[in-house]
């Protein structure tokens, strides 16, 4: 695998990341949650991508799709987008309702080259994106500061004097999640949209939570 070529692709794409809103909140109608799950069988790696489309205002699930197949790209730390994009794009092809914005179970700008899956995928989806991660990806040995134990509290993750993302407290006495811009959105709006979808039974926004549950269910189905 030519790491230099992968680097070149990501470094070129990142010059076109815009951390400003490419939309008006009043235009936001459908938001998609995207997640993937993996398993191995007979020495073959498989992946399923699930996308759940939710109405921004009513929070009702409008549509759910999935795509499953063999994994062809190896796991390389920092280059996960190359492994996941084929499955995401195949799942997107099945959507009858086109989302205005995509939220990914993973990172966006919070990445060593600012090219986590949320940022990388934006150039193929041509829509604003947000990354929401359950665990912290440490970059250049920089840790995050725990936010105050209040719903909506956050601390910015600053590396080389630049905001890469946020540690966001969505529920009291529960670990924070990590929000980062993907593309065509600012960190304030990404935080606002994430909090909008958080309900009392989970620290995750329902976009990510429902997609996560869907991938676990699909993996059980296909693995059998």
N, C-alpha and C. Protein backbone atom coordinates (compact mmCIF):
# COMPACT_ATOMS: atom_id res chain seq x y z
N UNK A 1 0.84 -1.19 0.00
CA UNK A 1 0.00 0.00 0.00
C UNK A 1 0.88 1.25 0.00
N UNK A 2 0.68 2.13 -0.94
CA UNK A 2 1.50 3.33 -1.08
C UNK A 2 0.98 4.42 -0.14
N UNK A 3 1.58 4.50 1.05
CA UNK A 3 1.16 5.48 2.05
C UNK A 3 1.37 6.90 1.54
N UNK A 4 2.44 7.09 0.79
CA UNK A 4 2.71 8.42 0.24
C UNK A 4 1.58 8.90 -0.65
N UNK A 5 1.02 7.99 -1.45
CA UNK A 5 -0.09 8.35 -2.34
C UNK A 5 -1.34 8.69 -1.52
N UNK A 6 -1.60 7.90 -0.48
CA UNK A 6 -2.76 8.17 0.38
C UNK A 6 -2.61 9.52 1.06
N UNK A 7 -1.41 9.80 1.53
CA UNK A 7 -1.13 11.09 2.15
C UNK A 7 -1.40 12.23 1.18
N UNK A 8 -0.93 12.06 -0.04
CA UNK A 8 -1.09 13.11 -1.05
C UNK A 8 -2.55 13.39 -1.32
N UNK A 9 -3.37 12.33 -1.38
CA UNK A 9 -4.81 12.50 -1.63
C UNK A 9 -5.45 13.29 -0.49
N UNK A 10 -5.14 12.90 0.74
CA UNK A 10 -5.74 13.58 1.89
C UNK A 10 -5.24 15.01 2.04
N UNK A 11 -3.95 15.22 1.80
CA UNK A 11 -3.41 16.57 1.93
C UNK A 11 -3.98 17.52 0.89
N UNK A 12 -4.29 16.98 -0.29
CA UNK A 12 -4.91 17.81 -1.31
C UNK A 12 -6.36 18.13 -0.96
N UNK A 13 -7.08 17.12 -0.49
CA UNK A 13 -8.48 17.33 -0.14
C UNK A 13 -8.63 18.31 1.02
N UNK A 14 -7.75 18.23 2.00
CA UNK A 14 -7.93 19.05 3.20
C UNK A 14 -7.82 20.55 2.93
N UNK A 15 -7.20 20.91 1.81
CA UNK A 15 -7.12 22.34 1.47
C UNK A 15 -8.49 22.89 1.09
N UNK A 16 -9.45 22.00 0.85
CA UNK A 16 -10.81 22.42 0.47
C UNK A 16 -11.82 22.22 1.59
N UNK A 17 -11.34 21.97 2.81
CA UNK A 17 -12.23 21.91 3.96
C UNK A 17 -12.58 23.34 4.38
N UNK A 18 -13.87 23.59 4.59
CA UNK A 18 -14.33 24.91 5.00
C UNK A 18 -15.08 24.77 6.32
N UNK A 19 -14.52 25.36 7.38
CA UNK A 19 -15.13 25.28 8.70
C UNK A 19 -16.11 26.43 8.92
N UNK A 20 -16.93 26.64 7.92
CA UNK A 20 -18.01 27.63 7.97
C UNK A 20 -19.27 26.97 7.42
N UNK A 21 -20.41 27.45 7.85
CA UNK A 21 -21.66 26.83 7.43
C UNK A 21 -21.95 27.06 5.94
N UNK A 22 -22.20 25.96 5.25
CA UNK A 22 -22.58 26.06 3.85
C UNK A 22 -24.08 25.92 3.68
N UNK A 23 -24.83 26.23 4.74
CA UNK A 23 -26.29 26.08 4.73
C UNK A 23 -26.87 26.96 5.83
N UNK A 24 -28.18 27.15 5.78
CA UNK A 24 -28.90 27.85 6.85
C UNK A 24 -29.65 26.82 7.68
N UNK A 25 -29.67 27.01 8.98
CA UNK A 25 -30.36 26.07 9.85
C UNK A 25 -31.83 25.90 9.47
N UNK A 26 -32.43 26.95 8.94
CA UNK A 26 -33.84 26.87 8.54
C UNK A 26 -34.05 25.90 7.38
N UNK A 27 -32.96 25.60 6.66
CA UNK A 27 -33.05 24.68 5.52
C UNK A 27 -32.85 23.22 5.92
N UNK A 28 -32.46 23.01 7.17
CA UNK A 28 -32.12 21.66 7.62
C UNK A 28 -33.39 20.85 7.86
N UNK A 29 -33.58 19.81 7.07
CA UNK A 29 -34.78 18.99 7.18
C UNK A 29 -34.45 17.53 7.52
N UNK A 30 -33.56 16.92 6.76
CA UNK A 30 -33.21 15.52 6.98
C UNK A 30 -31.73 15.38 7.33
N UNK A 31 -31.46 14.65 8.40
CA UNK A 31 -30.08 14.42 8.85
C UNK A 31 -29.84 12.91 8.92
N UNK A 32 -28.73 12.47 8.37
CA UNK A 32 -28.41 11.04 8.35
C UNK A 32 -27.34 10.70 9.36
N UNK A 33 -27.49 9.54 10.01
CA UNK A 33 -26.45 8.98 10.86
C UNK A 33 -25.81 7.81 10.12
N UNK A 34 -24.49 7.75 10.14
CA UNK A 34 -23.75 6.72 9.39
C UNK A 34 -22.83 5.95 10.34
N UNK A 35 -22.89 4.62 10.26
CA UNK A 35 -21.98 3.79 11.05
C UNK A 35 -21.66 2.52 10.28
N UNK A 36 -20.53 1.90 10.63
CA UNK A 36 -20.11 0.66 9.99
C UNK A 36 -19.69 -0.35 11.04
N UNK A 37 -19.84 -1.63 10.70
CA UNK A 37 -19.41 -2.70 11.60
C UNK A 37 -18.68 -3.76 10.78
N UNK A 38 -17.71 -4.41 11.41
CA UNK A 38 -16.87 -5.40 10.73
C UNK A 38 -16.94 -6.75 11.43
N UNK A 39 -16.63 -7.79 10.66
CA UNK A 39 -16.45 -9.12 11.23
C UNK A 39 -15.65 -9.97 10.23
N UNK A 40 -15.14 -11.08 10.73
CA UNK A 40 -14.37 -11.99 9.87
C UNK A 40 -15.01 -13.37 9.87
N UNK A 41 -14.94 -14.00 8.72
CA UNK A 41 -15.51 -15.34 8.57
C UNK A 41 -14.69 -16.09 7.53
N UNK A 42 -14.16 -17.26 7.92
CA UNK A 42 -13.32 -18.05 7.02
C UNK A 42 -12.17 -17.21 6.45
N UNK A 43 -11.56 -16.41 7.33
CA UNK A 43 -10.40 -15.57 6.99
C UNK A 43 -10.73 -14.46 5.98
N UNK A 44 -11.99 -14.17 5.84
CA UNK A 44 -12.41 -13.07 4.96
C UNK A 44 -13.04 -11.99 5.84
N UNK A 45 -12.64 -10.74 5.62
CA UNK A 45 -13.20 -9.63 6.38
C UNK A 45 -14.42 -9.05 5.66
N UNK A 46 -15.48 -8.81 6.44
CA UNK A 46 -16.71 -8.25 5.90
C UNK A 46 -17.05 -6.94 6.62
N UNK A 47 -17.85 -6.13 5.95
CA UNK A 47 -18.27 -4.86 6.55
C UNK A 47 -19.72 -4.59 6.16
N UNK A 48 -20.45 -3.99 7.08
CA UNK A 48 -21.79 -3.51 6.76
C UNK A 48 -21.87 -2.03 7.14
N UNK A 49 -22.43 -1.24 6.24
CA UNK A 49 -22.66 0.18 6.51
C UNK A 49 -24.16 0.41 6.62
N UNK A 50 -24.57 1.05 7.70
CA UNK A 50 -25.99 1.39 7.88
C UNK A 50 -26.14 2.90 7.95
N UNK A 51 -27.16 3.39 7.27
CA UNK A 51 -27.48 4.81 7.28
C UNK A 51 -28.93 4.97 7.72
N UNK A 52 -29.13 5.81 8.72
CA UNK A 52 -30.47 6.09 9.23
C UNK A 52 -30.77 7.57 8.99
N UNK A 53 -31.83 7.85 8.27
CA UNK A 53 -32.22 9.23 7.96
C UNK A 53 -33.32 9.66 8.92
N UNK A 54 -33.11 10.79 9.58
CA UNK A 54 -34.03 11.27 10.61
C UNK A 54 -34.49 12.69 10.31
N UNK A 55 -35.76 12.94 10.53
CA UNK A 55 -36.31 14.29 10.37
C UNK A 55 -35.77 15.18 11.48
N UNK A 56 -35.18 16.30 11.11
CA UNK A 56 -34.54 17.16 12.10
C UNK A 56 -35.54 17.70 13.11
N UNK A 57 -36.73 18.04 12.67
CA UNK A 57 -37.71 18.68 13.54
C UNK A 57 -38.50 17.69 14.39
N UNK A 58 -38.98 16.60 13.79
CA UNK A 58 -39.80 15.64 14.52
C UNK A 58 -38.97 14.53 15.17
N UNK A 59 -37.75 14.36 14.69
CA UNK A 59 -36.84 13.29 15.15
C UNK A 59 -37.36 11.90 14.82
N UNK A 60 -38.23 11.83 13.83
CA UNK A 60 -38.74 10.54 13.38
C UNK A 60 -37.80 9.93 12.35
N UNK A 61 -37.66 8.59 12.38
CA UNK A 61 -36.86 7.90 11.38
C UNK A 61 -37.63 7.87 10.07
N UNK A 62 -37.01 8.40 9.04
CA UNK A 62 -37.64 8.48 7.72
C UNK A 62 -37.26 7.28 6.85
N UNK A 63 -36.02 6.84 7.00
CA UNK A 63 -35.52 5.77 6.12
C UNK A 63 -34.29 5.12 6.74
N UNK A 64 -34.10 3.85 6.43
CA UNK A 64 -32.90 3.14 6.88
C UNK A 64 -32.43 2.21 5.77
N UNK A 65 -31.14 2.26 5.45
CA UNK A 65 -30.58 1.39 4.41
C UNK A 65 -29.30 0.75 4.93
N UNK A 66 -28.86 -0.30 4.24
CA UNK A 66 -27.61 -0.96 4.60
C UNK A 66 -26.95 -1.52 3.36
N UNK A 67 -25.64 -1.65 3.44
CA UNK A 67 -24.89 -2.29 2.36
C UNK A 67 -23.81 -3.15 3.00
N UNK A 68 -23.70 -4.40 2.55
CA UNK A 68 -22.73 -5.33 3.11
C UNK A 68 -21.86 -5.89 1.99
N UNK A 69 -20.59 -6.14 2.31
CA UNK A 69 -19.70 -6.72 1.31
C UNK A 69 -18.35 -7.08 1.91
N UNK A 70 -17.48 -7.63 1.08
CA UNK A 70 -16.13 -7.98 1.53
C UNK A 70 -15.27 -6.72 1.57
N UNK A 71 -14.38 -6.70 2.56
CA UNK A 71 -13.47 -5.56 2.72
C UNK A 71 -12.24 -5.79 1.84
N UNK A 72 -11.91 -4.82 1.02
CA UNK A 72 -10.78 -4.95 0.11
C UNK A 72 -9.57 -4.11 0.52
N UNK A 73 -9.80 -3.09 1.36
CA UNK A 73 -8.71 -2.21 1.76
C UNK A 73 -8.27 -2.57 3.18
N UNK A 74 -6.98 -2.69 3.44
CA UNK A 74 -6.51 -3.09 4.78
C UNK A 74 -6.75 -2.00 5.81
N UNK A 75 -6.71 -2.40 7.09
CA UNK A 75 -6.83 -1.42 8.16
C UNK A 75 -5.48 -0.74 8.36
N UNK A 76 -5.44 0.57 8.16
CA UNK A 76 -4.23 1.36 8.38
C UNK A 76 -4.62 2.56 9.22
N UNK A 77 -4.03 2.68 10.39
CA UNK A 77 -4.34 3.79 11.29
C UNK A 77 -4.18 5.13 10.57
N UNK A 78 -5.21 5.96 10.65
CA UNK A 78 -5.15 7.28 10.03
C UNK A 78 -5.71 7.32 8.62
N UNK A 79 -5.98 6.14 8.05
CA UNK A 79 -6.46 6.08 6.66
C UNK A 79 -7.75 5.26 6.57
N UNK A 80 -8.53 5.30 7.63
CA UNK A 80 -9.74 4.48 7.70
C UNK A 80 -10.75 4.85 6.61
N UNK A 81 -10.74 6.09 6.18
CA UNK A 81 -11.71 6.54 5.17
C UNK A 81 -11.59 5.73 3.88
N UNK A 82 -10.37 5.36 3.49
CA UNK A 82 -10.19 4.60 2.26
C UNK A 82 -10.81 3.21 2.38
N UNK A 83 -10.86 2.69 3.58
CA UNK A 83 -11.45 1.36 3.85
C UNK A 83 -12.97 1.44 3.88
N UNK A 84 -13.50 2.56 4.40
CA UNK A 84 -14.94 2.65 4.65
C UNK A 84 -15.74 3.31 3.53
N UNK A 85 -15.11 4.19 2.77
CA UNK A 85 -15.85 4.96 1.77
C UNK A 85 -16.63 4.11 0.76
N UNK A 86 -16.05 3.02 0.22
CA UNK A 86 -16.82 2.22 -0.74
C UNK A 86 -18.15 1.73 -0.20
N UNK A 87 -18.17 1.36 1.08
CA UNK A 87 -19.41 0.86 1.70
C UNK A 87 -20.39 2.00 1.94
N UNK A 88 -19.87 3.14 2.37
CA UNK A 88 -20.74 4.30 2.61
C UNK A 88 -21.42 4.74 1.31
N UNK A 89 -20.65 4.84 0.25
CA UNK A 89 -21.20 5.33 -1.02
C UNK A 89 -22.21 4.35 -1.62
N UNK A 90 -21.97 3.06 -1.44
CA UNK A 90 -22.95 2.06 -1.91
C UNK A 90 -24.25 2.14 -1.12
N UNK A 91 -24.13 2.38 0.18
CA UNK A 91 -25.34 2.54 1.00
C UNK A 91 -26.09 3.81 0.61
N UNK A 92 -25.37 4.88 0.38
CA UNK A 92 -25.99 6.15 -0.02
C UNK A 92 -26.78 6.00 -1.32
N UNK A 93 -26.28 5.19 -2.23
CA UNK A 93 -26.96 4.97 -3.51
C UNK A 93 -28.38 4.42 -3.32
N UNK A 94 -28.61 3.75 -2.20
CA UNK A 94 -29.92 3.14 -1.95
C UNK A 94 -30.94 4.12 -1.37
N UNK A 95 -30.47 5.28 -0.91
CA UNK A 95 -31.37 6.23 -0.25
C UNK A 95 -32.39 6.82 -1.22
N UNK A 96 -33.62 6.84 -0.78
CA UNK A 96 -34.67 7.50 -1.55
C UNK A 96 -34.85 8.95 -1.09
N UNK A 97 -34.43 9.22 0.14
CA UNK A 97 -34.49 10.56 0.71
C UNK A 97 -33.07 11.09 0.87
N UNK A 98 -32.78 12.21 0.24
CA UNK A 98 -31.43 12.76 0.27
C UNK A 98 -31.24 13.64 1.50
N UNK A 99 -30.33 13.26 2.39
CA UNK A 99 -30.10 14.05 3.61
C UNK A 99 -29.49 15.42 3.29
N UNK A 100 -29.78 16.37 4.15
CA UNK A 100 -29.17 17.69 4.04
C UNK A 100 -27.82 17.73 4.72
N UNK A 101 -27.60 16.77 5.63
CA UNK A 101 -26.35 16.73 6.41
C UNK A 101 -26.13 15.30 6.90
N UNK A 102 -24.87 14.90 6.98
CA UNK A 102 -24.52 13.56 7.44
C UNK A 102 -23.72 13.65 8.74
N UNK A 103 -24.04 12.78 9.68
CA UNK A 103 -23.28 12.66 10.93
C UNK A 103 -22.65 11.26 10.96
N UNK A 104 -21.36 11.21 11.24
CA UNK A 104 -20.62 9.96 11.20
C UNK A 104 -20.19 9.51 12.60
N UNK A 105 -20.24 8.21 12.83
CA UNK A 105 -19.69 7.64 14.05
C UNK A 105 -18.18 7.57 13.84
N UNK A 106 -17.51 8.66 14.16
CA UNK A 106 -16.07 8.77 13.93
C UNK A 106 -15.66 10.24 13.95
N UNK A 107 -14.47 10.51 13.48
CA UNK A 107 -13.94 11.87 13.52
C UNK A 107 -14.00 12.56 12.17
N UNK A 108 -13.81 13.86 12.21
CA UNK A 108 -13.71 14.66 11.00
C UNK A 108 -12.40 15.42 11.04
N UNK A 109 -12.47 16.69 11.43
CA UNK A 109 -11.29 17.54 11.53
C UNK A 109 -10.35 17.08 12.64
N UNK A 110 -10.87 16.33 13.59
CA UNK A 110 -10.08 15.79 14.70
C UNK A 110 -9.30 14.58 14.21
N UNK A 111 -8.24 14.86 13.46
CA UNK A 111 -7.46 13.84 12.76
C UNK A 111 -6.11 14.47 12.46
N UNK A 112 -5.07 13.66 12.40
CA UNK A 112 -3.72 14.20 12.21
C UNK A 112 -3.57 15.03 10.94
N UNK A 113 -4.36 14.71 9.92
CA UNK A 113 -4.35 15.49 8.67
C UNK A 113 -5.71 16.15 8.42
N UNK A 114 -6.52 16.23 9.48
CA UNK A 114 -7.88 16.80 9.38
C UNK A 114 -8.76 16.02 8.41
N UNK A 115 -8.44 14.75 8.21
CA UNK A 115 -9.18 13.97 7.21
C UNK A 115 -9.75 12.69 7.79
N UNK A 116 -10.47 12.83 8.92
CA UNK A 116 -11.24 11.71 9.42
C UNK A 116 -12.37 11.41 8.45
N UNK A 117 -13.09 10.33 8.69
CA UNK A 117 -14.12 9.88 7.75
C UNK A 117 -15.16 10.96 7.44
N UNK A 118 -15.54 11.77 8.43
CA UNK A 118 -16.55 12.80 8.19
C UNK A 118 -16.07 13.85 7.20
N UNK A 119 -14.79 14.21 7.30
CA UNK A 119 -14.24 15.19 6.37
C UNK A 119 -14.01 14.58 5.00
N UNK A 120 -13.39 13.40 4.97
CA UNK A 120 -13.08 12.75 3.70
C UNK A 120 -14.35 12.44 2.90
N UNK A 121 -15.35 11.92 3.57
CA UNK A 121 -16.59 11.54 2.87
C UNK A 121 -17.34 12.74 2.31
N UNK A 122 -17.16 13.90 2.91
CA UNK A 122 -17.92 15.09 2.48
C UNK A 122 -17.69 15.41 1.02
N UNK A 123 -16.48 15.14 0.53
CA UNK A 123 -16.16 15.48 -0.85
C UNK A 123 -16.86 14.56 -1.85
N UNK A 124 -17.27 13.38 -1.39
CA UNK A 124 -18.02 12.46 -2.25
C UNK A 124 -19.52 12.67 -2.09
N UNK A 125 -19.95 13.03 -0.88
CA UNK A 125 -21.37 13.22 -0.61
C UNK A 125 -21.84 14.62 -1.02
N UNK A 126 -20.91 15.56 -1.04
CA UNK A 126 -21.20 16.96 -1.39
C UNK A 126 -22.25 17.57 -0.46
N UNK A 127 -22.14 17.19 0.81
CA UNK A 127 -23.05 17.70 1.84
C UNK A 127 -22.24 18.04 3.10
N UNK A 128 -22.77 18.93 3.94
CA UNK A 128 -22.11 19.20 5.22
C UNK A 128 -22.04 17.93 6.08
N UNK A 129 -20.99 17.81 6.86
CA UNK A 129 -20.79 16.60 7.66
C UNK A 129 -20.28 16.94 9.05
N UNK A 130 -20.56 16.03 9.99
CA UNK A 130 -20.11 16.15 11.38
C UNK A 130 -19.56 14.80 11.82
N UNK A 131 -18.48 14.83 12.58
CA UNK A 131 -17.95 13.62 13.18
C UNK A 131 -18.30 13.56 14.66
N UNK A 132 -18.80 12.42 15.11
CA UNK A 132 -19.13 12.22 16.53
C UNK A 132 -18.49 10.91 16.97
N UNK A 133 -17.47 11.01 17.80
CA UNK A 133 -16.74 9.82 18.24
C UNK A 133 -17.02 9.50 19.70
N UNK A 134 -17.05 8.22 20.02
CA UNK A 134 -17.28 7.78 21.39
C UNK A 134 -16.00 7.82 22.22
N UNK A 135 -14.85 7.65 21.56
CA UNK A 135 -13.57 7.65 22.25
C UNK A 135 -12.65 8.70 21.64
N UNK A 136 -11.66 9.11 22.41
CA UNK A 136 -10.78 10.18 21.99
C UNK A 136 -9.59 9.68 21.19
N UNK A 137 -9.36 10.30 20.04
CA UNK A 137 -8.20 10.00 19.22
C UNK A 137 -7.11 11.01 19.57
N UNK A 138 -6.07 10.55 20.28
CA UNK A 138 -5.00 11.45 20.71
C UNK A 138 -4.09 11.79 19.53
N UNK A 139 -3.87 13.07 19.34
CA UNK A 139 -3.03 13.55 18.25
C UNK A 139 -1.86 14.33 18.85
N UNK A 140 -0.65 14.01 18.40
CA UNK A 140 0.56 14.67 18.87
C UNK A 140 0.64 14.68 20.40
N UNK A 141 0.17 13.59 20.99
CA UNK A 141 0.22 13.38 22.44
C UNK A 141 -0.55 14.46 23.23
N UNK A 142 -1.49 15.12 22.58
CA UNK A 142 -2.31 16.13 23.25
C UNK A 142 -3.57 15.48 23.80
N UNK A 143 -3.79 15.61 25.09
CA UNK A 143 -4.98 15.04 25.71
C UNK A 143 -6.09 16.10 25.73
N UNK A 144 -7.29 15.67 26.11
CA UNK A 144 -8.40 16.61 26.21
C UNK A 144 -8.68 16.93 27.67
N UNK A 145 -9.32 18.07 27.91
CA UNK A 145 -9.71 18.46 29.26
C UNK A 145 -11.16 18.05 29.50
N UNK A 146 -11.42 17.39 30.62
CA UNK A 146 -12.77 16.94 30.94
C UNK A 146 -13.69 18.16 31.09
N UNK A 147 -14.81 18.17 30.38
CA UNK A 147 -15.74 19.30 30.53
C UNK A 147 -16.43 19.28 31.90
N UNK A 148 -16.96 20.40 32.29
CA UNK A 148 -17.73 20.51 33.52
C UNK A 148 -18.88 19.50 33.48
N UNK A 149 -19.28 19.00 34.65
CA UNK A 149 -20.32 17.97 34.72
C UNK A 149 -21.72 18.59 34.61
N UNK A 150 -21.94 19.24 33.49
CA UNK A 150 -23.21 19.92 33.20
C UNK A 150 -23.58 19.60 31.75
N UNK A 151 -24.84 19.31 31.49
CA UNK A 151 -25.28 19.01 30.13
C UNK A 151 -24.99 20.20 29.21
N UNK A 152 -24.30 19.91 28.12
CA UNK A 152 -23.97 20.95 27.16
C UNK A 152 -22.61 21.58 27.38
N UNK A 153 -21.95 21.25 28.49
CA UNK A 153 -20.62 21.79 28.74
C UNK A 153 -19.62 21.15 27.77
N UNK A 154 -18.59 21.91 27.40
CA UNK A 154 -17.60 21.37 26.48
C UNK A 154 -16.24 22.02 26.73
N UNK A 155 -15.21 21.37 26.24
CA UNK A 155 -13.87 21.95 26.20
C UNK A 155 -13.33 21.75 24.79
N UNK A 156 -12.72 22.78 24.26
CA UNK A 156 -12.14 22.67 22.93
C UNK A 156 -10.84 21.87 22.96
N UNK A 157 -10.63 21.08 21.95
CA UNK A 157 -9.40 20.32 21.79
C UNK A 157 -8.49 21.13 20.88
N UNK A 158 -7.46 21.74 21.47
CA UNK A 158 -6.60 22.65 20.73
C UNK A 158 -5.22 22.03 20.54
N UNK A 159 -4.82 21.91 19.29
CA UNK A 159 -3.52 21.34 18.93
C UNK A 159 -2.84 22.33 17.98
N UNK A 160 -1.62 22.68 18.30
CA UNK A 160 -0.89 23.67 17.50
C UNK A 160 -1.71 24.96 17.33
N UNK A 161 -2.34 25.37 18.42
CA UNK A 161 -3.12 26.61 18.47
C UNK A 161 -4.34 26.60 17.54
N UNK A 162 -4.78 25.43 17.17
CA UNK A 162 -5.95 25.30 16.30
C UNK A 162 -6.98 24.38 16.95
N UNK A 163 -8.26 24.73 16.85
CA UNK A 163 -9.32 23.90 17.40
C UNK A 163 -9.59 22.73 16.46
N UNK A 164 -9.31 21.53 16.94
CA UNK A 164 -9.54 20.32 16.15
C UNK A 164 -10.94 19.75 16.37
N UNK A 165 -11.48 19.96 17.57
CA UNK A 165 -12.79 19.41 17.90
C UNK A 165 -13.15 19.78 19.33
N UNK A 166 -14.17 19.09 19.86
CA UNK A 166 -14.64 19.38 21.21
C UNK A 166 -14.95 18.11 21.98
N UNK A 167 -14.63 18.15 23.28
CA UNK A 167 -15.13 17.14 24.20
C UNK A 167 -16.44 17.71 24.73
N UNK A 168 -17.54 17.02 24.48
CA UNK A 168 -18.87 17.54 24.76
C UNK A 168 -19.60 16.67 25.78
N UNK A 169 -20.08 17.30 26.84
CA UNK A 169 -20.84 16.58 27.87
C UNK A 169 -22.32 16.62 27.49
N UNK A 170 -22.86 15.48 27.12
CA UNK A 170 -24.26 15.42 26.70
C UNK A 170 -25.19 14.96 27.81
N UNK A 171 -24.62 14.30 28.84
CA UNK A 171 -25.41 13.87 29.99
C UNK A 171 -24.56 14.01 31.25
N UNK A 172 -25.21 14.30 32.35
CA UNK A 172 -24.51 14.43 33.63
C UNK A 172 -24.00 13.06 34.08
N UNK A 173 -22.81 13.04 34.66
CA UNK A 173 -22.19 11.82 35.19
C UNK A 173 -21.96 10.74 34.15
N UNK A 174 -21.83 11.16 32.89
CA UNK A 174 -21.57 10.22 31.79
C UNK A 174 -20.37 10.76 30.99
N UNK A 175 -19.55 9.87 30.48
CA UNK A 175 -18.38 10.29 29.72
C UNK A 175 -18.76 11.21 28.56
N UNK A 176 -17.89 12.16 28.23
CA UNK A 176 -18.19 13.04 27.10
C UNK A 176 -18.04 12.31 25.76
N UNK A 177 -18.57 12.91 24.73
CA UNK A 177 -18.33 12.45 23.37
C UNK A 177 -17.44 13.49 22.69
N UNK A 178 -16.98 13.18 21.48
CA UNK A 178 -16.01 14.05 20.82
C UNK A 178 -16.55 14.48 19.46
N UNK A 179 -16.85 15.75 19.37
CA UNK A 179 -17.48 16.31 18.18
C UNK A 179 -16.45 17.08 17.37
N UNK A 180 -16.45 16.87 16.07
CA UNK A 180 -15.59 17.66 15.20
C UNK A 180 -16.31 17.97 13.90
N UNK A 181 -15.94 19.06 13.30
CA UNK A 181 -16.50 19.42 11.99
C UNK A 181 -16.02 18.40 10.97
N UNK A 182 -16.89 18.14 10.01
CA UNK A 182 -16.46 17.36 8.85
C UNK A 182 -16.06 18.35 7.77
N UNK A 183 -17.07 19.01 7.23
CA UNK A 183 -16.86 20.03 6.19
C UNK A 183 -18.11 20.88 6.05
N UNK A 184 -17.91 22.09 5.60
CA UNK A 184 -19.00 23.04 5.35
C UNK A 184 -19.90 23.27 6.57
N UNK A 185 -19.24 23.32 7.73
CA UNK A 185 -19.96 23.58 8.98
C UNK A 185 -18.97 24.11 10.00
N UNK A 186 -19.46 24.94 10.94
CA UNK A 186 -18.55 25.41 12.00
C UNK A 186 -18.80 24.60 13.27
N UNK A 187 -17.87 24.72 14.20
CA UNK A 187 -17.91 23.88 15.40
C UNK A 187 -19.11 24.22 16.29
N UNK A 188 -19.53 25.47 16.31
CA UNK A 188 -20.70 25.85 17.12
C UNK A 188 -21.96 25.17 16.59
N UNK A 189 -22.12 25.19 15.28
CA UNK A 189 -23.31 24.56 14.67
C UNK A 189 -23.25 23.05 14.80
N UNK A 190 -22.07 22.48 14.65
CA UNK A 190 -21.92 21.03 14.82
C UNK A 190 -22.31 20.61 16.23
N UNK A 191 -21.92 21.43 17.20
CA UNK A 191 -22.28 21.15 18.60
C UNK A 191 -23.78 21.29 18.81
N UNK A 192 -24.36 22.34 18.25
CA UNK A 192 -25.80 22.58 18.39
C UNK A 192 -26.62 21.44 17.80
N UNK A 193 -26.25 20.98 16.63
CA UNK A 193 -26.99 19.90 15.98
C UNK A 193 -26.83 18.59 16.76
N UNK A 194 -25.63 18.34 17.24
CA UNK A 194 -25.39 17.13 18.04
C UNK A 194 -26.26 17.13 19.29
N UNK A 195 -26.27 18.24 20.01
CA UNK A 195 -27.08 18.33 21.23
C UNK A 195 -28.58 18.23 20.92
N UNK A 196 -28.99 18.74 19.78
CA UNK A 196 -30.41 18.68 19.39
C UNK A 196 -30.91 17.23 19.35
N UNK A 197 -30.03 16.31 18.94
CA UNK A 197 -30.43 14.92 18.76
C UNK A 197 -30.15 14.03 19.98
N UNK A 198 -29.65 14.62 21.06
CA UNK A 198 -29.38 13.82 22.26
C UNK A 198 -30.65 13.70 23.08
N UNK A 199 -31.00 12.47 23.45
CA UNK A 199 -32.16 12.22 24.29
C UNK A 199 -31.71 11.60 25.62
N UNK A 200 -32.64 11.42 26.53
CA UNK A 200 -32.30 11.08 27.90
C UNK A 200 -31.69 9.69 28.09
N UNK A 201 -31.90 8.79 27.14
CA UNK A 201 -31.46 7.41 27.36
C UNK A 201 -30.08 7.09 26.79
N UNK A 202 -29.36 8.09 26.26
CA UNK A 202 -28.03 7.82 25.71
C UNK A 202 -27.22 9.11 25.64
N UNK A 203 -25.90 8.97 25.74
CA UNK A 203 -25.04 10.14 25.59
C UNK A 203 -24.85 10.50 24.12
N UNK A 204 -25.22 9.57 23.22
CA UNK A 204 -25.04 9.79 21.79
C UNK A 204 -26.28 10.44 21.17
N UNK A 205 -26.08 11.26 20.14
CA UNK A 205 -27.24 11.76 19.40
C UNK A 205 -27.93 10.57 18.72
N UNK A 206 -29.24 10.65 18.57
CA UNK A 206 -29.98 9.50 18.03
C UNK A 206 -29.56 9.15 16.60
N UNK A 207 -29.05 10.11 15.86
CA UNK A 207 -28.55 9.81 14.51
C UNK A 207 -27.46 8.74 14.59
N UNK A 208 -26.51 8.94 15.48
CA UNK A 208 -25.41 7.99 15.63
C UNK A 208 -25.86 6.75 16.37
N UNK A 209 -26.67 6.93 17.39
CA UNK A 209 -27.11 5.78 18.19
C UNK A 209 -27.92 4.79 17.35
N UNK A 210 -28.87 5.30 16.57
CA UNK A 210 -29.69 4.41 15.74
C UNK A 210 -28.86 3.71 14.66
N UNK A 211 -27.90 4.43 14.08
CA UNK A 211 -27.04 3.83 13.07
C UNK A 211 -26.16 2.75 13.71
N UNK A 212 -25.69 3.01 14.91
CA UNK A 212 -24.86 2.05 15.65
C UNK A 212 -25.66 0.79 15.96
N UNK A 213 -26.88 0.96 16.44
CA UNK A 213 -27.74 -0.19 16.72
C UNK A 213 -28.04 -0.98 15.45
N UNK A 214 -28.24 -0.27 14.34
CA UNK A 214 -28.54 -0.93 13.07
C UNK A 214 -27.37 -1.78 12.59
N UNK A 215 -26.13 -1.28 12.77
CA UNK A 215 -24.97 -2.05 12.32
C UNK A 215 -24.78 -3.31 13.17
N UNK A 216 -25.04 -3.19 14.47
CA UNK A 216 -24.91 -4.37 15.33
C UNK A 216 -25.94 -5.44 14.96
N UNK A 217 -27.15 -4.99 14.67
CA UNK A 217 -28.21 -5.92 14.26
C UNK A 217 -27.87 -6.56 12.92
N UNK A 218 -27.39 -5.76 11.98
CA UNK A 218 -27.04 -6.28 10.65
C UNK A 218 -25.88 -7.26 10.74
N UNK A 219 -24.90 -6.96 11.57
CA UNK A 219 -23.76 -7.87 11.72
C UNK A 219 -24.22 -9.22 12.27
N UNK A 220 -25.12 -9.18 13.25
CA UNK A 220 -25.65 -10.45 13.78
C UNK A 220 -26.38 -11.22 12.68
N UNK A 221 -27.14 -10.52 11.87
CA UNK A 221 -27.91 -11.16 10.80
C UNK A 221 -27.00 -11.81 9.76
N UNK A 222 -26.03 -11.06 9.29
CA UNK A 222 -25.16 -11.57 8.23
C UNK A 222 -24.15 -12.58 8.73
N UNK A 223 -23.70 -12.43 9.94
CA UNK A 223 -22.72 -13.36 10.48
C UNK A 223 -23.32 -14.75 10.62
N UNK A 224 -24.60 -14.81 10.93
CA UNK A 224 -25.28 -16.11 11.03
C UNK A 224 -25.38 -16.79 9.68
